[in-house]
Amino acid sequence: MFNSKQIRSQITVGGLIWLALVFTSLEKGILHAIALLLMLALLIIFPIAFAITREFGKPHSLPTKVALFLQPFAAIIVAISFFLPIGVISGTFAIAWLPVTLFAAWNGAQSLFRRGWRSVFKHLPETCISIAQIYLPIRSDLATRLAPRGKSIRFY
């Protein structure tokens, strides 16, 4: 379903969207920089990470295919949430990223269980990647859009 050319085009389009966000935003400051870093992760780093953590010679697993399919749509919806006032509506838009992280976690758990618990310390780099994928949905980006401390992160 996903080959390296499709992932490269996904990264390129994500990079162009991110550059548009950088050059069209009016707000400046540390919170704006944090929002841009988050969008860099969602639009560019996520597909790069999934491309380089795949075992060579093996096709993508089902959770990875679904996560890579949903990623551009969810990232654009999250980007829209940064143009909305902070609150329930922007938090609802940010929830679009949650299914992507859940499929990533499923992929991490699947690869961890496939290797077995006895091989956790034998294959430490792969174990770290699997645990990192499992950790993705724990924080996600929901807290930044619901603004628990009343801080504002917006692109306009």
N, C-alpha and C. Protein backbone atom coordinates (compact mmCIF):
# COMPACT_ATOMS: atom_id res chain seq x y z
N MET A 1 0.82 -1.19 0.00
CA MET A 1 0.00 0.00 0.00
C MET A 1 0.87 1.25 0.00
N PHE A 2 1.87 1.28 0.88
CA PHE A 2 2.75 2.45 0.95
C PHE A 2 4.14 2.04 0.54
N ASN A 3 4.66 2.67 -0.49
CA ASN A 3 6.04 2.46 -0.85
C ASN A 3 6.82 3.72 -0.52
N SER A 4 8.12 3.68 -0.74
CA SER A 4 8.96 4.81 -0.34
C SER A 4 8.61 6.08 -1.13
N LYS A 5 8.16 5.94 -2.37
CA LYS A 5 7.80 7.12 -3.16
C LYS A 5 6.58 7.82 -2.57
N GLN A 6 5.59 7.04 -2.15
CA GLN A 6 4.39 7.63 -1.55
C GLN A 6 4.72 8.32 -0.23
N ILE A 7 5.57 7.69 0.57
CA ILE A 7 5.95 8.30 1.85
C ILE A 7 6.75 9.57 1.61
N ARG A 8 7.64 9.56 0.61
CA ARG A 8 8.40 10.78 0.28
C ARG A 8 7.48 11.90 -0.15
N SER A 9 6.47 11.58 -0.96
CA SER A 9 5.54 12.64 -1.38
C SER A 9 4.72 13.14 -0.20
N GLN A 10 4.37 12.25 0.71
CA GLN A 10 3.65 12.65 1.93
C GLN A 10 4.51 13.60 2.77
N ILE A 11 5.79 13.30 2.88
CA ILE A 11 6.71 14.16 3.63
C ILE A 11 6.88 15.50 2.93
N THR A 12 6.98 15.49 1.60
CA THR A 12 7.14 16.73 0.84
C THR A 12 5.93 17.63 0.99
N VAL A 13 4.74 17.07 0.85
CA VAL A 13 3.51 17.87 1.01
C VAL A 13 3.42 18.40 2.44
N GLY A 14 3.75 17.55 3.41
CA GLY A 14 3.76 18.00 4.80
C GLY A 14 4.74 19.13 5.03
N GLY A 15 5.90 19.05 4.39
CA GLY A 15 6.88 20.12 4.50
C GLY A 15 6.39 21.43 3.90
N LEU A 16 5.71 21.33 2.77
CA LEU A 16 5.16 22.54 2.14
C LEU A 16 4.07 23.17 3.00
N ILE A 17 3.22 22.33 3.58
CA ILE A 17 2.18 22.86 4.48
C ILE A 17 2.82 23.52 5.69
N TRP A 18 3.86 22.88 6.23
CA TRP A 18 4.54 23.45 7.41
C TRP A 18 5.19 24.79 7.06
N LEU A 19 5.84 24.86 5.90
CA LEU A 19 6.44 26.14 5.49
C LEU A 19 5.38 27.22 5.31
N ALA A 20 4.23 26.84 4.78
CA ALA A 20 3.14 27.81 4.65
C ALA A 20 2.70 28.31 6.02
N LEU A 21 2.63 27.41 6.99
CA LEU A 21 2.27 27.83 8.35
C LEU A 21 3.32 28.76 8.94
N VAL A 22 4.58 28.48 8.66
CA VAL A 22 5.66 29.32 9.20
C VAL A 22 5.58 30.73 8.62
N PHE A 23 5.37 30.83 7.31
CA PHE A 23 5.43 32.14 6.67
C PHE A 23 4.12 32.91 6.68
N THR A 24 3.01 32.26 6.99
CA THR A 24 1.74 32.99 7.01
C THR A 24 1.26 33.34 8.40
N SER A 25 1.92 32.83 9.42
CA SER A 25 1.44 33.11 10.78
C SER A 25 1.87 34.50 11.22
N LEU A 26 1.00 35.12 12.00
CA LEU A 26 1.25 36.47 12.47
C LEU A 26 1.77 36.50 13.91
N GLU A 27 1.45 35.49 14.67
CA GLU A 27 1.82 35.46 16.08
C GLU A 27 3.29 35.09 16.23
N LYS A 28 3.95 35.66 17.21
CA LYS A 28 5.35 35.35 17.50
C LYS A 28 5.46 35.00 18.97
N GLY A 29 6.58 34.43 19.35
CA GLY A 29 6.81 34.12 20.75
C GLY A 29 7.03 32.64 20.97
N ILE A 30 7.25 32.28 22.23
CA ILE A 30 7.59 30.91 22.58
C ILE A 30 6.43 29.95 22.32
N LEU A 31 5.20 30.36 22.61
CA LEU A 31 4.07 29.46 22.37
C LEU A 31 3.86 29.21 20.88
N HIS A 32 4.13 30.21 20.07
CA HIS A 32 4.04 30.04 18.62
C HIS A 32 5.11 29.06 18.15
N ALA A 33 6.31 29.17 18.70
CA ALA A 33 7.38 28.26 18.32
C ALA A 33 7.04 26.82 18.71
N ILE A 34 6.42 26.65 19.87
CA ILE A 34 6.01 25.31 20.29
C ILE A 34 4.97 24.74 19.34
N ALA A 35 4.03 25.56 18.92
CA ALA A 35 3.00 25.11 17.97
C ALA A 35 3.64 24.71 16.64
N LEU A 36 4.61 25.48 16.17
CA LEU A 36 5.28 25.14 14.92
C LEU A 36 6.08 23.85 15.05
N LEU A 37 6.71 23.63 16.20
CA LEU A 37 7.44 22.38 16.41
C LEU A 37 6.48 21.19 16.44
N LEU A 38 5.33 21.38 17.06
CA LEU A 38 4.34 20.31 17.08
C LEU A 38 3.88 19.98 15.66
N MET A 39 3.62 21.00 14.86
CA MET A 39 3.18 20.76 13.48
C MET A 39 4.30 20.13 12.65
N LEU A 40 5.55 20.48 12.93
CA LEU A 40 6.68 19.83 12.26
C LEU A 40 6.67 18.33 12.56
N ALA A 41 6.41 17.99 13.82
CA ALA A 41 6.35 16.57 14.19
C ALA A 41 5.20 15.85 13.51
N LEU A 42 4.03 16.49 13.48
CA LEU A 42 2.86 15.83 12.91
C LEU A 42 2.95 15.69 11.39
N LEU A 43 3.46 16.72 10.73
CA LEU A 43 3.46 16.74 9.26
C LEU A 43 4.67 16.06 8.63
N ILE A 44 5.83 16.11 9.30
CA ILE A 44 7.06 15.64 8.67
C ILE A 44 7.73 14.50 9.43
N ILE A 45 7.95 14.68 10.72
CA ILE A 45 8.74 13.71 11.47
C ILE A 45 8.01 12.38 11.62
N PHE A 46 6.70 12.40 11.82
CA PHE A 46 5.94 11.15 11.98
C PHE A 46 6.11 10.23 10.78
N PRO A 47 5.87 10.69 9.53
CA PRO A 47 6.06 9.76 8.41
C PRO A 47 7.51 9.35 8.21
N ILE A 48 8.46 10.25 8.51
CA ILE A 48 9.87 9.88 8.41
C ILE A 48 10.19 8.77 9.40
N ALA A 49 9.71 8.92 10.63
CA ALA A 49 9.99 7.91 11.66
C ALA A 49 9.41 6.55 11.28
N PHE A 50 8.20 6.54 10.75
CA PHE A 50 7.62 5.26 10.36
C PHE A 50 8.35 4.67 9.17
N ALA A 51 8.88 5.49 8.30
CA ALA A 51 9.62 4.97 7.14
C ALA A 51 10.94 4.34 7.57
N ILE A 52 11.63 4.94 8.54
CA ILE A 52 12.95 4.41 8.91
C ILE A 52 12.90 3.33 9.98
N THR A 53 11.78 3.18 10.68
CA THR A 53 11.71 2.14 11.71
C THR A 53 11.15 0.83 11.19
N ARG A 54 10.74 0.79 9.96
CA ARG A 54 10.23 -0.46 9.37
C ARG A 54 11.39 -1.43 9.18
N GLU A 55 11.13 -2.69 9.43
CA GLU A 55 12.14 -3.71 9.20
C GLU A 55 12.37 -3.84 7.70
N PHE A 56 13.64 -3.80 7.29
CA PHE A 56 13.96 -3.82 5.86
C PHE A 56 13.53 -5.14 5.24
N GLY A 57 12.97 -5.05 4.05
CA GLY A 57 12.55 -6.22 3.32
C GLY A 57 11.18 -6.73 3.69
N LYS A 58 10.59 -6.18 4.74
CA LYS A 58 9.27 -6.62 5.16
C LYS A 58 8.24 -5.55 4.82
N PRO A 59 7.05 -5.96 4.44
CA PRO A 59 6.01 -4.96 4.15
C PRO A 59 5.52 -4.31 5.44
N HIS A 60 4.86 -3.18 5.29
CA HIS A 60 4.27 -2.51 6.45
C HIS A 60 3.16 -3.37 7.04
N SER A 61 3.06 -3.35 8.36
CA SER A 61 1.96 -4.07 9.01
C SER A 61 0.67 -3.27 8.83
N LEU A 62 -0.46 -3.91 9.12
CA LEU A 62 -1.76 -3.25 8.97
C LEU A 62 -1.87 -1.97 9.80
N PRO A 63 -1.47 -1.98 11.09
CA PRO A 63 -1.57 -0.72 11.85
C PRO A 63 -0.72 0.40 11.27
N THR A 64 0.45 0.06 10.73
CA THR A 64 1.31 1.08 10.12
C THR A 64 0.66 1.64 8.87
N LYS A 65 0.07 0.78 8.05
CA LYS A 65 -0.60 1.25 6.83
C LYS A 65 -1.74 2.20 7.17
N VAL A 66 -2.52 1.84 8.18
CA VAL A 66 -3.65 2.69 8.57
C VAL A 66 -3.15 4.01 9.14
N ALA A 67 -2.11 3.96 9.99
CA ALA A 67 -1.56 5.18 10.58
C ALA A 67 -1.00 6.11 9.50
N LEU A 68 -0.29 5.54 8.52
CA LEU A 68 0.26 6.36 7.44
C LEU A 68 -0.84 6.91 6.53
N PHE A 69 -1.92 6.16 6.38
CA PHE A 69 -3.04 6.65 5.57
C PHE A 69 -3.75 7.81 6.28
N LEU A 70 -3.98 7.68 7.58
CA LEU A 70 -4.70 8.70 8.33
C LEU A 70 -3.86 9.94 8.64
N GLN A 71 -2.55 9.80 8.66
CA GLN A 71 -1.66 10.87 9.11
C GLN A 71 -1.86 12.20 8.41
N PRO A 72 -1.91 12.28 7.06
CA PRO A 72 -2.05 13.61 6.45
C PRO A 72 -3.38 14.28 6.78
N PHE A 73 -4.45 13.50 6.81
CA PHE A 73 -5.76 14.08 7.12
C PHE A 73 -5.82 14.58 8.56
N ALA A 74 -5.33 13.75 9.47
CA ALA A 74 -5.34 14.13 10.89
C ALA A 74 -4.44 15.33 11.14
N ALA A 75 -3.28 15.38 10.49
CA ALA A 75 -2.36 16.50 10.70
C ALA A 75 -2.97 17.81 10.20
N ILE A 76 -3.68 17.77 9.08
CA ILE A 76 -4.33 18.98 8.57
C ILE A 76 -5.44 19.43 9.50
N ILE A 77 -6.21 18.48 10.03
CA ILE A 77 -7.27 18.84 10.98
C ILE A 77 -6.68 19.46 12.24
N VAL A 78 -5.57 18.90 12.72
CA VAL A 78 -4.91 19.48 13.90
C VAL A 78 -4.38 20.87 13.57
N ALA A 79 -3.85 21.05 12.35
CA ALA A 79 -3.37 22.38 11.96
C ALA A 79 -4.51 23.39 11.96
N ILE A 80 -5.69 22.97 11.53
CA ILE A 80 -6.86 23.85 11.56
C ILE A 80 -7.19 24.24 13.00
N SER A 81 -6.98 23.32 13.93
CA SER A 81 -7.30 23.61 15.34
C SER A 81 -6.47 24.76 15.89
N PHE A 82 -5.30 24.99 15.32
CA PHE A 82 -4.47 26.10 15.79
C PHE A 82 -4.96 27.45 15.30
N PHE A 83 -5.86 27.46 14.34
CA PHE A 83 -6.45 28.71 13.89
C PHE A 83 -7.73 29.06 14.65
N LEU A 84 -8.19 28.14 15.46
CA LEU A 84 -9.42 28.34 16.24
C LEU A 84 -9.07 28.83 17.65
N PRO A 85 -9.99 29.51 18.30
CA PRO A 85 -9.74 29.89 19.69
C PRO A 85 -9.62 28.65 20.57
N ILE A 86 -8.79 28.75 21.57
CA ILE A 86 -8.57 27.61 22.46
C ILE A 86 -9.83 27.30 23.24
N GLY A 87 -10.16 26.02 23.30
CA GLY A 87 -11.35 25.58 24.02
C GLY A 87 -11.83 24.25 23.51
N VAL A 88 -13.09 24.00 23.69
CA VAL A 88 -13.67 22.70 23.35
C VAL A 88 -13.62 22.43 21.84
N ILE A 89 -13.88 23.44 21.03
CA ILE A 89 -13.90 23.23 19.58
C ILE A 89 -12.51 22.87 19.06
N SER A 90 -11.50 23.63 19.46
CA SER A 90 -10.15 23.31 18.99
C SER A 90 -9.67 22.00 19.59
N GLY A 91 -10.08 21.69 20.82
CA GLY A 91 -9.75 20.40 21.41
C GLY A 91 -10.38 19.24 20.65
N THR A 92 -11.60 19.45 20.16
CA THR A 92 -12.28 18.43 19.37
C THR A 92 -11.55 18.21 18.04
N PHE A 93 -11.08 19.28 17.42
CA PHE A 93 -10.30 19.14 16.19
C PHE A 93 -9.00 18.39 16.47
N ALA A 94 -8.38 18.65 17.60
CA ALA A 94 -7.11 18.01 17.93
C ALA A 94 -7.26 16.52 18.18
N ILE A 95 -8.46 16.08 18.53
CA ILE A 95 -8.69 14.65 18.77
C ILE A 95 -8.49 13.84 17.49
N ALA A 96 -8.51 14.48 16.33
CA ALA A 96 -8.30 13.78 15.06
C ALA A 96 -6.96 13.06 15.03
N TRP A 97 -6.00 13.52 15.81
CA TRP A 97 -4.68 12.89 15.83
C TRP A 97 -4.68 11.61 16.66
N LEU A 98 -5.64 11.45 17.55
CA LEU A 98 -5.67 10.30 18.45
C LEU A 98 -5.73 8.95 17.72
N PRO A 99 -6.56 8.76 16.69
CA PRO A 99 -6.55 7.46 16.00
C PRO A 99 -5.19 7.13 15.37
N VAL A 100 -4.49 8.13 14.88
CA VAL A 100 -3.16 7.89 14.30
C VAL A 100 -2.23 7.34 15.37
N THR A 101 -2.25 7.96 16.55
CA THR A 101 -1.36 7.49 17.62
C THR A 101 -1.80 6.13 18.16
N LEU A 102 -3.10 5.85 18.14
CA LEU A 102 -3.56 4.54 18.60
C LEU A 102 -3.10 3.43 17.64
N PHE A 103 -3.14 3.69 16.34
CA PHE A 103 -2.64 2.70 15.39
C PHE A 103 -1.12 2.55 15.50
N ALA A 104 -0.43 3.63 15.79
CA ALA A 104 1.02 3.54 16.01
C ALA A 104 1.31 2.70 17.26
N ALA A 105 0.52 2.90 18.31
CA ALA A 105 0.70 2.11 19.53
C ALA A 105 0.40 0.64 19.27
N TRP A 106 -0.63 0.38 18.48
CA TRP A 106 -0.96 -1.00 18.12
C TRP A 106 0.21 -1.63 17.38
N ASN A 107 0.82 -0.89 16.47
CA ASN A 107 1.97 -1.39 15.74
C ASN A 107 3.12 -1.69 16.69
N GLY A 108 3.38 -0.79 17.65
CA GLY A 108 4.45 -1.02 18.61
C GLY A 108 4.19 -2.23 19.48
N ALA A 109 2.96 -2.38 19.97
CA ALA A 109 2.62 -3.53 20.80
C ALA A 109 2.70 -4.83 20.00
N GLN A 110 2.26 -4.77 18.75
CA GLN A 110 2.30 -5.94 17.89
C GLN A 110 3.74 -6.40 17.65
N SER A 111 4.63 -5.46 17.38
CA SER A 111 6.03 -5.84 17.15
C SER A 111 6.69 -6.32 18.44
N LEU A 112 6.31 -5.75 19.57
CA LEU A 112 6.86 -6.17 20.86
C LEU A 112 6.42 -7.60 21.18
N PHE A 113 5.14 -7.89 20.99
CA PHE A 113 4.64 -9.24 21.27
C PHE A 113 5.14 -10.25 20.25
N ARG A 114 5.35 -9.83 19.01
CA ARG A 114 5.84 -10.73 17.98
C ARG A 114 7.24 -11.24 18.32
N ARG A 115 8.08 -10.37 18.88
CA ARG A 115 9.43 -10.77 19.27
C ARG A 115 9.43 -11.58 20.56
N GLY A 116 8.44 -11.38 21.40
CA GLY A 116 8.37 -12.11 22.66
C GLY A 116 9.07 -11.36 23.79
N TRP A 117 8.62 -11.64 25.00
CA TRP A 117 9.15 -10.92 26.16
C TRP A 117 10.58 -11.32 26.49
N ARG A 118 10.99 -12.52 26.12
CA ARG A 118 12.36 -12.95 26.44
C ARG A 118 13.40 -12.23 25.59
N SER A 119 12.99 -11.72 24.45
CA SER A 119 13.95 -11.05 23.57
C SER A 119 13.97 -9.54 23.76
N VAL A 120 13.32 -9.04 24.81
CA VAL A 120 13.25 -7.59 25.03
C VAL A 120 14.64 -7.00 25.18
N PHE A 121 15.49 -7.64 25.97
CA PHE A 121 16.83 -7.10 26.19
C PHE A 121 17.82 -7.53 25.13
N LYS A 122 17.50 -8.55 24.36
CA LYS A 122 18.39 -8.98 23.28
C LYS A 122 18.33 -8.01 22.10
N HIS A 123 17.15 -7.48 21.86
CA HIS A 123 16.93 -6.55 20.74
C HIS A 123 16.52 -5.19 21.30
N LEU A 124 17.41 -4.56 22.03
CA LEU A 124 17.06 -3.33 22.74
C LEU A 124 16.67 -2.18 21.82
N PRO A 125 17.34 -1.94 20.68
CA PRO A 125 16.89 -0.82 19.82
C PRO A 125 15.46 -1.01 19.31
N GLU A 126 15.12 -2.22 18.87
CA GLU A 126 13.76 -2.48 18.40
C GLU A 126 12.75 -2.34 19.54
N THR A 127 13.16 -2.77 20.74
CA THR A 127 12.28 -2.65 21.89
C THR A 127 12.01 -1.18 22.21
N CYS A 128 13.05 -0.35 22.14
CA CYS A 128 12.87 1.08 22.41
C CYS A 128 11.93 1.72 21.39
N ILE A 129 12.05 1.35 20.13
CA ILE A 129 11.16 1.89 19.10
C ILE A 129 9.72 1.45 19.37
N SER A 130 9.53 0.18 19.73
CA SER A 130 8.18 -0.31 20.02
C SER A 130 7.57 0.41 21.21
N ILE A 131 8.35 0.60 22.27
CA ILE A 131 7.83 1.29 23.45
C ILE A 131 7.54 2.75 23.14
N ALA A 132 8.36 3.38 22.30
CA ALA A 132 8.10 4.76 21.90
C ALA A 132 6.78 4.86 21.13
N GLN A 133 6.49 3.88 20.28
CA GLN A 133 5.23 3.89 19.55
C GLN A 133 4.05 3.67 20.50
N ILE A 134 4.24 2.84 21.51
CA ILE A 134 3.18 2.62 22.49
C ILE A 134 2.92 3.89 23.29
N TYR A 135 3.96 4.68 23.52
CA TYR A 135 3.84 5.90 24.33
C TYR A 135 3.14 7.05 23.58
N LEU A 136 3.10 7.00 22.26
CA LEU A 136 2.54 8.11 21.48
C LEU A 136 1.15 8.58 21.91
N PRO A 137 0.17 7.70 22.08
CA PRO A 137 -1.16 8.23 22.42
C PRO A 137 -1.30 8.72 23.86
N ILE A 138 -0.30 8.47 24.69
CA ILE A 138 -0.42 8.86 26.10
C ILE A 138 -0.55 10.37 26.23
N ARG A 139 0.24 11.12 25.51
CA ARG A 139 0.18 12.58 25.62
C ARG A 139 -0.50 13.21 24.40
N SER A 140 -0.12 12.74 23.22
CA SER A 140 -0.63 13.29 21.97
C SER A 140 -0.54 14.82 22.01
N ASP A 141 -1.49 15.52 21.46
CA ASP A 141 -1.41 16.99 21.49
C ASP A 141 -2.69 17.61 22.04
N LEU A 142 -3.52 16.79 22.64
CA LEU A 142 -4.82 17.26 23.10
C LEU A 142 -4.70 18.36 24.15
N ALA A 143 -3.73 18.23 25.05
CA ALA A 143 -3.62 19.19 26.16
C ALA A 143 -3.30 20.60 25.67
N THR A 144 -2.56 20.72 24.57
CA THR A 144 -2.22 22.06 24.10
C THR A 144 -3.43 22.79 23.56
N ARG A 145 -4.42 22.07 23.05
CA ARG A 145 -5.58 22.73 22.46
C ARG A 145 -6.71 22.95 23.46
N LEU A 146 -6.72 22.19 24.56
CA LEU A 146 -7.74 22.42 25.58
C LEU A 146 -7.29 23.47 26.58
N ALA A 147 -6.01 23.79 26.58
CA ALA A 147 -5.43 24.86 27.40
C ALA A 147 -5.80 24.74 28.87
N PRO A 148 -5.24 23.73 29.56
CA PRO A 148 -5.58 23.58 30.97
C PRO A 148 -5.11 24.74 31.84
N ARG A 149 -4.05 25.43 31.42
CA ARG A 149 -3.55 26.55 32.20
C ARG A 149 -3.94 27.89 31.60
N GLY A 150 -4.78 27.88 30.59
CA GLY A 150 -5.24 29.12 29.99
C GLY A 150 -4.24 29.75 29.03
N LYS A 151 -3.21 29.02 28.66
CA LYS A 151 -2.22 29.56 27.73
C LYS A 151 -2.75 29.45 26.31
N SER A 152 -2.29 30.32 25.46
CA SER A 152 -2.80 30.38 24.10
C SER A 152 -1.73 29.97 23.11
N ILE A 153 -2.05 29.01 22.26
CA ILE A 153 -1.18 28.64 21.15
C ILE A 153 -2.05 28.69 19.90
N ARG A 154 -1.85 29.71 19.08
CA ARG A 154 -2.64 29.86 17.86
C ARG A 154 -1.73 30.33 16.74
N PHE A 155 -2.19 30.15 15.51
CA PHE A 155 -1.42 30.58 14.36
C PHE A 155 -1.85 31.94 13.83
N TYR A 156 -2.91 32.50 14.29
CA TYR A 156 -3.34 33.78 13.75
C TYR A 156 -3.05 34.89 14.72
